[in-house]
Amino acid sequence: MTAFADTETVTWIAVGAAADVPLWEGRRVTVEGQRIAVFHTDAGFHAVDGSCPHKQGPLQDGLVADDCVTCPLHGWRFSLGTGERIGGGPDDPSLRVYPVIVHDGELMLGLPDE
């Protein structure tokens, strides 16, 4: 799994209004030069790498269902909770998962402290 370890500390960065990400859709944000996709599902908000590791497809434009996103270019499907590829092999690349919370209506993305 590519989510942050519980022992890592993060810096919270405001990336936009929660209201700007409709339910079952994604939006792209760029933080420190890195493209990150933020999604809104019934389970809340999720943030993962913004590019599919297969052909760099824009994941924020993918179909969202069952807390997964499907890449719009070639159909690779990823869990928004774990970043793991659904239906792939054990050597398939995963997405990095970022913590995201809502604070006073703002989406806050957690980046690991280095």
C-alpha atoms as a PDB file:
ATOM      1  CA  MET A   1       0.000   0.000   0.000  1.00  0.00           C
ATOM      2  CA  THR A   2       1.278   3.459  -0.840  1.00  0.00           C
ATOM      3  CA  ALA A   3      -0.582   5.468   1.782  1.00  0.00           C
ATOM      4  CA  PHE A   4       1.461   7.310   4.354  1.00  0.00           C
ATOM      5  CA  ALA A   5       2.572   5.377   7.408  1.00  0.00           C
ATOM      6  CA  ASP A   6       0.861   6.320  10.655  1.00  0.00           C
ATOM      7  CA  THR A   7       4.178   7.549  12.022  1.00  0.00           C
ATOM      8  CA  GLU A   8       4.793  10.079   9.239  1.00  0.00           C
ATOM      9  CA  THR A   9       3.955  13.678   9.934  1.00  0.00           C
ATOM     10  CA  VAL A  10       2.268  15.818   7.328  1.00  0.00           C
ATOM     11  CA  THR A  11       1.941  19.456   6.437  1.00  0.00           C
ATOM     12  CA  TRP A  12      -1.644  20.429   5.633  1.00  0.00           C
ATOM     13  CA  ILE A  13      -2.106  22.577   2.523  1.00  0.00           C
ATOM     14  CA  ALA A  14      -5.367  24.193   1.413  1.00  0.00           C
ATOM     15  CA  VAL A  15      -6.144  23.123  -2.158  1.00  0.00           C
ATOM     16  CA  GLY A  16      -9.628  24.554  -2.747  1.00  0.00           C
ATOM     17  CA  ALA A  17     -13.215  24.604  -1.613  1.00  0.00           C
ATOM     18  CA  ALA A  18     -14.842  21.258  -0.858  1.00  0.00           C
ATOM     19  CA  ALA A  19     -17.981  22.511  -2.621  1.00  0.00           C
ATOM     20  CA  ASP A  20     -15.997  22.716  -5.893  1.00  0.00           C
ATOM     21  CA  VAL A  21     -15.711  18.907  -6.073  1.00  0.00           C
ATOM     22  CA  PRO A  22     -19.165  17.470  -6.802  1.00  0.00           C
ATOM     23  CA  LEU A  23     -20.116  14.041  -5.540  1.00  0.00           C
ATOM     24  CA  TRP A  24     -18.681  11.241  -7.736  1.00  0.00           C
ATOM     25  CA  GLU A  25     -16.315  13.584  -9.559  1.00  0.00           C
ATOM     26  CA  GLY A  26     -12.640  14.476  -9.402  1.00  0.00           C
ATOM     27  CA  ARG A  27     -10.591  17.634  -9.699  1.00  0.00           C
ATOM     28  CA  ARG A  28      -6.900  18.188 -10.319  1.00  0.00           C
ATOM     29  CA  VAL A  29      -4.717  20.203  -7.984  1.00  0.00           C
ATOM     30  CA  THR A  30      -1.027  20.924  -8.324  1.00  0.00           C
ATOM     31  CA  VAL A  31       0.990  21.043  -5.128  1.00  0.00           C
ATOM     32  CA  GLU A  32       4.723  21.672  -5.168  1.00  0.00           C
ATOM     33  CA  GLY A  33       4.787  20.791  -8.871  1.00  0.00           C
ATOM     34  CA  GLN A  34       3.011  17.486  -8.336  1.00  0.00           C
ATOM     35  CA  ARG A  35      -0.324  16.682 -10.008  1.00  0.00           C
ATOM     36  CA  ILE A  36      -2.816  15.225  -7.510  1.00  0.00           C
ATOM     37  CA  ALA A  37      -6.405  14.142  -8.154  1.00  0.00           C
ATOM     38  CA  VAL A  38      -9.022  14.831  -5.465  1.00  0.00           C
ATOM     39  CA  PHE A  39     -12.301  12.892  -5.516  1.00  0.00           C
ATOM     40  CA  HIS A  40     -15.599  13.153  -3.636  1.00  0.00           C
ATOM     41  CA  THR A  41     -17.484   9.935  -2.858  1.00  0.00           C
ATOM     42  CA  ASP A  42     -20.137   8.856  -0.368  1.00  0.00           C
ATOM     43  CA  ALA A  43     -17.233   7.904   1.919  1.00  0.00           C
ATOM     44  CA  GLY A  44     -15.817  11.451   1.812  1.00  0.00           C
ATOM     45  CA  PHE A  45     -12.871  12.948  -0.017  1.00  0.00           C
ATOM     46  CA  HIS A  46      -9.875  11.057  -1.381  1.00  0.00           C
ATOM     47  CA  ALA A  47      -6.613  12.208  -2.945  1.00  0.00           C
ATOM     48  CA  VAL A  48      -4.239  10.150  -5.095  1.00  0.00           C
ATOM     49  CA  ASP A  49      -1.519  10.711  -7.677  1.00  0.00           C
ATOM     50  CA  GLY A  50      -3.072  12.587 -10.572  1.00  0.00           C
ATOM     51  CA  SER A  51      -1.502  10.541 -13.360  1.00  0.00           C
ATOM     52  CA  CYS A  52      -2.155   6.904 -14.173  1.00  0.00           C
ATOM     53  CA  PRO A  53       1.123   4.971 -13.984  1.00  0.00           C
ATOM     54  CA  HIS A  54       0.223   3.121 -17.211  1.00  0.00           C
ATOM     55  CA  LYS A  55       0.169   5.952 -19.773  1.00  0.00           C
ATOM     56  CA  GLN A  56      -0.060   9.066 -17.559  1.00  0.00           C
ATOM     57  CA  GLY A  57      -3.818   9.448 -18.090  1.00  0.00           C
ATOM     58  CA  PRO A  58      -5.498  12.309 -16.197  1.00  0.00           C
ATOM     59  CA  LEU A  59      -7.185  10.439 -13.351  1.00  0.00           C
ATOM     60  CA  GLN A  60      -9.298  13.417 -12.272  1.00  0.00           C
ATOM     61  CA  ASP A  61     -11.246  12.869 -15.517  1.00  0.00           C
ATOM     62  CA  GLY A  62     -11.838   9.179 -14.812  1.00  0.00           C
ATOM     63  CA  LEU A  63     -15.096   7.490 -13.892  1.00  0.00           C
ATOM     64  CA  VAL A  64     -15.662   7.214 -10.142  1.00  0.00           C
ATOM     65  CA  ALA A  65     -17.690   4.340  -8.669  1.00  0.00           C
ATOM     66  CA  ASP A  66     -17.432   2.038  -5.650  1.00  0.00           C
ATOM     67  CA  ASP A  67     -14.641   4.222  -4.179  1.00  0.00           C
ATOM     68  CA  CYS A  68     -12.492   3.491  -7.243  1.00  0.00           C
ATOM     69  CA  VAL A  69     -11.416   5.549 -10.253  1.00  0.00           C
ATOM     70  CA  THR A  70     -11.045   4.229 -13.791  1.00  0.00           C
ATOM     71  CA  CYS A  71      -8.408   5.873 -15.989  1.00  0.00           C
ATOM     72  CA  PRO A  72     -10.080   7.561 -18.965  1.00  0.00           C
ATOM     73  CA  LEU A  73      -7.350   6.486 -21.404  1.00  0.00           C
ATOM     74  CA  HIS A  74      -7.013   2.721 -21.045  1.00  0.00           C
ATOM     75  CA  GLY A  75      -9.393   1.609 -18.300  1.00  0.00           C
ATOM     76  CA  TRP A  76      -6.978   0.802 -15.488  1.00  0.00           C
ATOM     77  CA  ARG A  77      -8.970   0.901 -12.224  1.00  0.00           C
ATOM     78  CA  PHE A  78      -7.589   1.967  -8.833  1.00  0.00           C
ATOM     79  CA  SER A  79      -8.875   1.936  -5.253  1.00  0.00           C
ATOM     80  CA  LEU A  80      -9.150   5.488  -3.927  1.00  0.00           C
ATOM     81  CA  GLY A  81      -8.541   4.195  -0.400  1.00  0.00           C
ATOM     82  CA  THR A  82      -5.378   2.172  -1.007  1.00  0.00           C
ATOM     83  CA  GLY A  83      -4.122   3.272  -4.427  1.00  0.00           C
ATOM     84  CA  GLU A  84      -3.852  -0.360  -5.526  1.00  0.00           C
ATOM     85  CA  ARG A  85      -4.786  -1.382  -9.056  1.00  0.00           C
ATOM     86  CA  ILE A  86      -8.020  -3.382  -9.176  1.00  0.00           C
ATOM     87  CA  GLY A  87      -7.812  -6.543 -11.267  1.00  0.00           C
ATOM     88  CA  GLY A  88      -4.136  -6.197 -11.978  1.00  0.00           C
ATOM     89  CA  GLY A  89      -1.179  -8.344 -11.111  1.00  0.00           C
ATOM     90  CA  PRO A  90       0.987  -8.180  -7.973  1.00  0.00           C
ATOM     91  CA  ASP A  91       3.692  -6.240  -9.818  1.00  0.00           C
ATOM     92  CA  ASP A  92       1.376  -3.534 -11.157  1.00  0.00           C
ATOM     93  CA  PRO A  93       2.184  -0.033  -9.939  1.00  0.00           C
ATOM     94  CA  SER A  94      -0.026   1.635  -7.349  1.00  0.00           C
ATOM     95  CA  LEU A  95      -0.983   5.232  -6.791  1.00  0.00           C
ATOM     96  CA  ARG A  96       0.219   7.201  -3.822  1.00  0.00           C
ATOM     97  CA  VAL A  97      -2.652   8.045  -1.481  1.00  0.00           C
ATOM     98  CA  TYR A  98      -2.717  11.380   0.346  1.00  0.00           C
ATOM     99  CA  PRO A  99      -4.711  12.242   3.455  1.00  0.00           C
ATOM    100  CA  VAL A 100      -7.386  14.837   2.801  1.00  0.00           C
ATOM    101  CA  ILE A 101      -9.762  16.523   5.238  1.00  0.00           C
ATOM    102  CA  VAL A 102     -12.316  19.309   5.127  1.00  0.00           C
ATOM    103  CA  HIS A 103     -11.681  22.254   7.451  1.00  0.00           C
ATOM    104  CA  ASP A 104     -14.076  25.224   7.425  1.00  0.00           C
ATOM    105  CA  GLY A 105     -15.223  24.232   3.924  1.00  0.00           C
ATOM    106  CA  GLU A 106     -11.683  24.036   2.547  1.00  0.00           C
ATOM    107  CA  LEU A 107     -10.030  20.847   1.326  1.00  0.00           C
ATOM    108  CA  MET A 108      -6.773  20.302   3.164  1.00  0.00           C
ATOM    109  CA  LEU A 109      -4.242  17.927   1.598  1.00  0.00           C
ATOM    110  CA  GLY A 110      -1.580  16.308   3.760  1.00  0.00           C
ATOM    111  CA  LEU A 111       1.926  16.191   2.295  1.00  0.00           C
ATOM    112  CA  PRO A 112       4.608  14.209   4.108  1.00  0.00           C
ATOM    113  CA  ASP A 113       7.219  16.210   5.971  1.00  0.00           C
ATOM    114  CA  GLU A 114      10.684  15.461   4.736  1.00  0.00           C
END
